Amino acid sequence: MNQGKMVFAQLMEIANFHVFKYCVKRYDGDYKAKEFTCWRQFLCMAFGQLTHRESLSDTAMGIRNNVDKLYHLGIGEPFNKSTISRANESRDWRIFRDFALKLIEEAKALYIGLIFNTLILLYTGIQSFICVYFSLGTT
């Protein structure tokens, strides 16, 4: 039996919920939303993308097929195709654009850190090679 978190839940941890809530509040995205919030919409659409679903019907079916895992995925209750369709039509797209831009900023910062660390390792490796080369060459 699996004791750890599901891969989807681990990936969604990268998506900062507080930053997303700020984007939702900025555009009043959860106005009159009772159960199907912007966050649930994001999770459902991300599930569809990450599982290579071809349509909203396919996404809804994939979610319904995993009813016993929805709580652990963070989605909660299953939804109808019409629910996600109405949400996609009525909610402000700028919520998701702003959130995507924030995620891209975070990814760039991580990438720059990775390049910097790689350059440091490369520099120390070259430095070590030069020291060993000259120490062998002088004897």
C-alpha atoms as a PDB file:
ATOM      1  CA  MET A   1       0.000   0.000   0.000  1.00  0.00           C
ATOM      2  CA  ASN A   2       1.262   3.455  -0.932  1.00  0.00           C
ATOM      3  CA  GLN A   3       2.207   5.492   2.129  1.00  0.00           C
ATOM      4  CA  GLY A   4       3.461   8.627   0.353  1.00  0.00           C
ATOM      5  CA  LYS A   5       1.762  11.435  -1.527  1.00  0.00           C
ATOM      6  CA  MET A   6       0.492  10.983  -5.046  1.00  0.00           C
ATOM      7  CA  VAL A   7       2.636  12.450  -7.835  1.00  0.00           C
ATOM      8  CA  PHE A   8      -0.116  14.917  -8.807  1.00  0.00           C
ATOM      9  CA  ALA A   9      -0.336  16.187  -5.213  1.00  0.00           C
ATOM     10  CA  GLN A  10       3.447  16.604  -5.102  1.00  0.00           C
ATOM     11  CA  LEU A  11       3.399  18.587  -8.350  1.00  0.00           C
ATOM     12  CA  MET A  12       0.589  20.804  -7.089  1.00  0.00           C
ATOM     13  CA  GLU A  13       2.655  21.655  -3.985  1.00  0.00           C
ATOM     14  CA  ILE A  14       4.873  23.649  -6.340  1.00  0.00           C
ATOM     15  CA  ALA A  15       1.862  25.807  -7.186  1.00  0.00           C
ATOM     16  CA  ASN A  16       1.757  28.223  -4.249  1.00  0.00           C
ATOM     17  CA  PHE A  17      -1.851  28.355  -3.003  1.00  0.00           C
ATOM     18  CA  HIS A  18      -1.386  31.790  -1.377  1.00  0.00           C
ATOM     19  CA  VAL A  19      -0.116  33.344  -4.609  1.00  0.00           C
ATOM     20  CA  PHE A  20      -3.059  31.791  -6.436  1.00  0.00           C
ATOM     21  CA  LYS A  21      -5.506  33.168  -3.840  1.00  0.00           C
ATOM     22  CA  TYR A  22      -3.983  36.635  -4.346  1.00  0.00           C
ATOM     23  CA  CYS A  23      -4.628  36.336  -8.109  1.00  0.00           C
ATOM     24  CA  VAL A  24      -8.199  35.178  -7.459  1.00  0.00           C
ATOM     25  CA  LYS A  25      -8.865  38.027  -5.050  1.00  0.00           C
ATOM     26  CA  ARG A  26      -7.400  40.545  -7.501  1.00  0.00           C
ATOM     27  CA  TYR A  27     -10.001  39.648 -10.142  1.00  0.00           C
ATOM     28  CA  ASP A  28     -12.774  38.606  -7.719  1.00  0.00           C
ATOM     29  CA  GLY A  29     -12.733  35.122  -9.220  1.00  0.00           C
ATOM     30  CA  ASP A  30     -14.610  33.252  -6.479  1.00  0.00           C
ATOM     31  CA  TYR A  31     -17.513  35.712  -6.457  1.00  0.00           C
ATOM     32  CA  LYS A  32     -20.730  33.688  -6.065  1.00  0.00           C
ATOM     33  CA  ALA A  33     -18.760  30.414  -6.198  1.00  0.00           C
ATOM     34  CA  LYS A  34     -20.206  27.933  -3.732  1.00  0.00           C
ATOM     35  CA  GLU A  35     -18.291  24.712  -4.192  1.00  0.00           C
ATOM     36  CA  PHE A  36     -16.388  24.841  -7.471  1.00  0.00           C
ATOM     37  CA  THR A  37     -13.744  27.442  -6.615  1.00  0.00           C
ATOM     38  CA  CYS A  38     -11.012  28.762  -8.882  1.00  0.00           C
ATOM     39  CA  TRP A  39      -8.514  26.537  -7.063  1.00  0.00           C
ATOM     40  CA  ARG A  40     -10.591  23.421  -7.826  1.00  0.00           C
ATOM     41  CA  GLN A  41     -10.918  24.595 -11.418  1.00  0.00           C
ATOM     42  CA  PHE A  42      -7.141  24.971 -11.634  1.00  0.00           C
ATOM     43  CA  LEU A  43      -6.587  21.500 -10.135  1.00  0.00           C
ATOM     44  CA  CYS A  44      -9.077  19.925 -12.552  1.00  0.00           C
ATOM     45  CA  MET A  45      -7.561  21.612 -15.592  1.00  0.00           C
ATOM     46  CA  ALA A  46      -4.028  20.728 -14.414  1.00  0.00           C
ATOM     47  CA  PHE A  47      -5.147  17.119 -13.951  1.00  0.00           C
ATOM     48  CA  GLY A  48      -6.452  17.124 -17.515  1.00  0.00           C
ATOM     49  CA  GLN A  49      -3.198  18.526 -18.870  1.00  0.00           C
ATOM     50  CA  LEU A  50      -0.887  16.261 -16.873  1.00  0.00           C
ATOM     51  CA  THR A  51      -2.852  13.127 -17.759  1.00  0.00           C
ATOM     52  CA  HIS A  52      -3.001  14.080 -21.461  1.00  0.00           C
ATOM     53  CA  ARG A  53      -6.792  14.354 -21.620  1.00  0.00           C
ATOM     54  CA  GLU A  54      -8.137  15.515 -24.970  1.00  0.00           C
ATOM     55  CA  SER A  55     -11.348  17.258 -23.880  1.00  0.00           C
ATOM     56  CA  LEU A  56     -13.368  18.417 -20.896  1.00  0.00           C
ATOM     57  CA  SER A  57     -15.479  15.266 -21.188  1.00  0.00           C
ATOM     58  CA  ASP A  58     -12.335  13.156 -21.052  1.00  0.00           C
ATOM     59  CA  THR A  59     -11.047  15.153 -18.064  1.00  0.00           C
ATOM     60  CA  ALA A  60     -14.360  14.794 -16.205  1.00  0.00           C
ATOM     61  CA  MET A  61     -14.395  11.060 -16.940  1.00  0.00           C
ATOM     62  CA  GLY A  62     -10.799  10.675 -15.741  1.00  0.00           C
ATOM     63  CA  ILE A  63     -11.670  12.459 -12.520  1.00  0.00           C
ATOM     64  CA  ARG A  64     -14.830  10.368 -12.009  1.00  0.00           C
ATOM     65  CA  ASN A  65     -12.754   7.212 -12.522  1.00  0.00           C
ATOM     66  CA  ASN A  66     -10.533   8.264  -9.606  1.00  0.00           C
ATOM     67  CA  VAL A  67     -13.297   9.162  -7.129  1.00  0.00           C
ATOM     68  CA  ASP A  68     -11.564   7.337  -4.274  1.00  0.00           C
ATOM     69  CA  LYS A  69      -8.389   9.405  -4.819  1.00  0.00           C
ATOM     70  CA  LEU A  70      -9.908  12.868  -5.341  1.00  0.00           C
ATOM     71  CA  TYR A  71      -9.418  13.935  -1.738  1.00  0.00           C
ATOM     72  CA  HIS A  72      -5.740  13.035  -1.914  1.00  0.00           C
ATOM     73  CA  LEU A  73      -5.407  14.859  -5.234  1.00  0.00           C
ATOM     74  CA  GLY A  74      -6.837  17.985  -3.590  1.00  0.00           C
ATOM     75  CA  ILE A  75      -9.865  18.120  -5.890  1.00  0.00           C
ATOM     76  CA  GLY A  76     -12.432  16.835  -3.411  1.00  0.00           C
ATOM     77  CA  GLU A  77     -15.782  16.013  -5.027  1.00  0.00           C
ATOM     78  CA  PRO A  78     -16.226  14.898  -8.643  1.00  0.00           C
ATOM     79  CA  PHE A  79     -17.848  17.407 -11.015  1.00  0.00           C
ATOM     80  CA  ASN A  80     -19.894  17.406 -14.180  1.00  0.00           C
ATOM     81  CA  LYS A  81     -18.543  18.516 -17.514  1.00  0.00           C
ATOM     82  CA  SER A  82     -21.031  21.403 -17.507  1.00  0.00           C
ATOM     83  CA  THR A  83     -19.600  22.700 -14.218  1.00  0.00           C
ATOM     84  CA  ILE A  84     -16.059  23.028 -15.539  1.00  0.00           C
ATOM     85  CA  SER A  85     -17.365  24.339 -18.856  1.00  0.00           C
ATOM     86  CA  ARG A  86     -19.364  27.107 -17.154  1.00  0.00           C
ATOM     87  CA  ALA A  87     -16.410  27.953 -14.944  1.00  0.00           C
ATOM     88  CA  ASN A  88     -14.104  28.204 -17.969  1.00  0.00           C
ATOM     89  CA  GLU A  89     -16.577  30.504 -19.718  1.00  0.00           C
ATOM     90  CA  SER A  90     -17.395  32.793 -16.812  1.00  0.00           C
ATOM     91  CA  ARG A  91     -14.180  33.159 -14.821  1.00  0.00           C
ATOM     92  CA  ASP A  92     -11.622  35.785 -15.676  1.00  0.00           C
ATOM     93  CA  TRP A  93      -8.747  34.253 -17.636  1.00  0.00           C
ATOM     94  CA  ARG A  94      -6.345  36.819 -16.169  1.00  0.00           C
ATOM     95  CA  ILE A  95      -6.378  34.885 -12.868  1.00  0.00           C
ATOM     96  CA  PHE A  96      -4.657  31.951 -14.517  1.00  0.00           C
ATOM     97  CA  ARG A  97      -2.394  34.154 -16.646  1.00  0.00           C
ATOM     98  CA  ASP A  98      -1.089  36.004 -13.595  1.00  0.00           C
ATOM     99  CA  PHE A  99      -0.583  32.749 -11.724  1.00  0.00           C
ATOM    100  CA  ALA A 100       1.255  31.209 -14.677  1.00  0.00           C
ATOM    101  CA  LEU A 101       3.542  34.243 -14.849  1.00  0.00           C
ATOM    102  CA  LYS A 102       4.338  33.862 -11.136  1.00  0.00           C
ATOM    103  CA  LEU A 103       5.149  30.185 -11.651  1.00  0.00           C
ATOM    104  CA  ILE A 104       7.410  31.101 -14.571  1.00  0.00           C
ATOM    105  CA  GLU A 105       9.224  33.657 -12.377  1.00  0.00           C
ATOM    106  CA  GLU A 106       9.811  30.981  -9.730  1.00  0.00           C
ATOM    107  CA  ALA A 107      11.053  28.528 -12.357  1.00  0.00           C
ATOM    108  CA  LYS A 108      13.462  31.115 -13.774  1.00  0.00           C
ATOM    109  CA  ALA A 109      14.866  31.796 -10.310  1.00  0.00           C
ATOM    110  CA  LEU A 110      15.410  28.072  -9.749  1.00  0.00           C
ATOM    111  CA  TYR A 111      16.995  27.706 -13.178  1.00  0.00           C
ATOM    112  CA  ILE A 112      19.374  30.621 -12.617  1.00  0.00           C
ATOM    113  CA  GLY A 113      20.355  29.100  -9.261  1.00  0.00           C
ATOM    114  CA  LEU A 114      20.992  25.767 -10.963  1.00  0.00           C
ATOM    115  CA  ILE A 115      23.181  27.363 -13.647  1.00  0.00           C
ATOM    116  CA  PHE A 116      25.108  29.331 -11.009  1.00  0.00           C
ATOM    117  CA  ASN A 117      25.730  26.189  -8.927  1.00  0.00           C
ATOM    118  CA  THR A 118      26.796  24.275 -12.043  1.00  0.00           C
ATOM    119  CA  LEU A 119      29.267  27.025 -12.964  1.00  0.00           C
ATOM    120  CA  ILE A 120      30.736  26.963  -9.454  1.00  0.00           C
ATOM    121  CA  LEU A 121      31.142  23.189  -9.626  1.00  0.00           C
ATOM    122  CA  LEU A 122      32.704  23.470 -13.069  1.00  0.00           C
ATOM    123  CA  TYR A 123      35.093  26.196 -11.879  1.00  0.00           C
ATOM    124  CA  THR A 124      36.192  24.213  -8.815  1.00  0.00           C
ATOM    125  CA  GLY A 125      36.609  21.104 -10.986  1.00  0.00           C
ATOM    126  CA  ILE A 126      38.829  22.983 -13.458  1.00  0.00           C
ATOM    127  CA  GLN A 127      40.760  24.542 -10.608  1.00  0.00           C
ATOM    128  CA  SER A 128      41.358  21.111  -9.063  1.00  0.00           C
ATOM    129  CA  PHE A 129      42.403  19.716 -12.448  1.00  0.00           C
ATOM    130  CA  ILE A 130      44.905  22.544 -12.957  1.00  0.00           C
ATOM    131  CA  CYS A 131      46.370  22.062  -9.475  1.00  0.00           C
ATOM    132  CA  VAL A 132      46.775  18.311 -10.031  1.00  0.00           C
ATOM    133  CA  TYR A 133      48.179  18.825 -13.543  1.00  0.00           C
ATOM    134  CA  PHE A 134      50.858  21.277 -12.392  1.00  0.00           C
ATOM    135  CA  SER A 135      51.734  19.242  -9.342  1.00  0.00           C
ATOM    136  CA  LEU A 136      52.305  16.189 -11.564  1.00  0.00           C
ATOM    137  CA  GLY A 137      54.214  18.181 -14.157  1.00  0.00           C
ATOM    138  CA  THR A 138      56.808  19.613 -11.735  1.00  0.00           C
ATOM    139  CA  THR A 139      58.078  16.306 -10.371  1.00  0.00           C
END
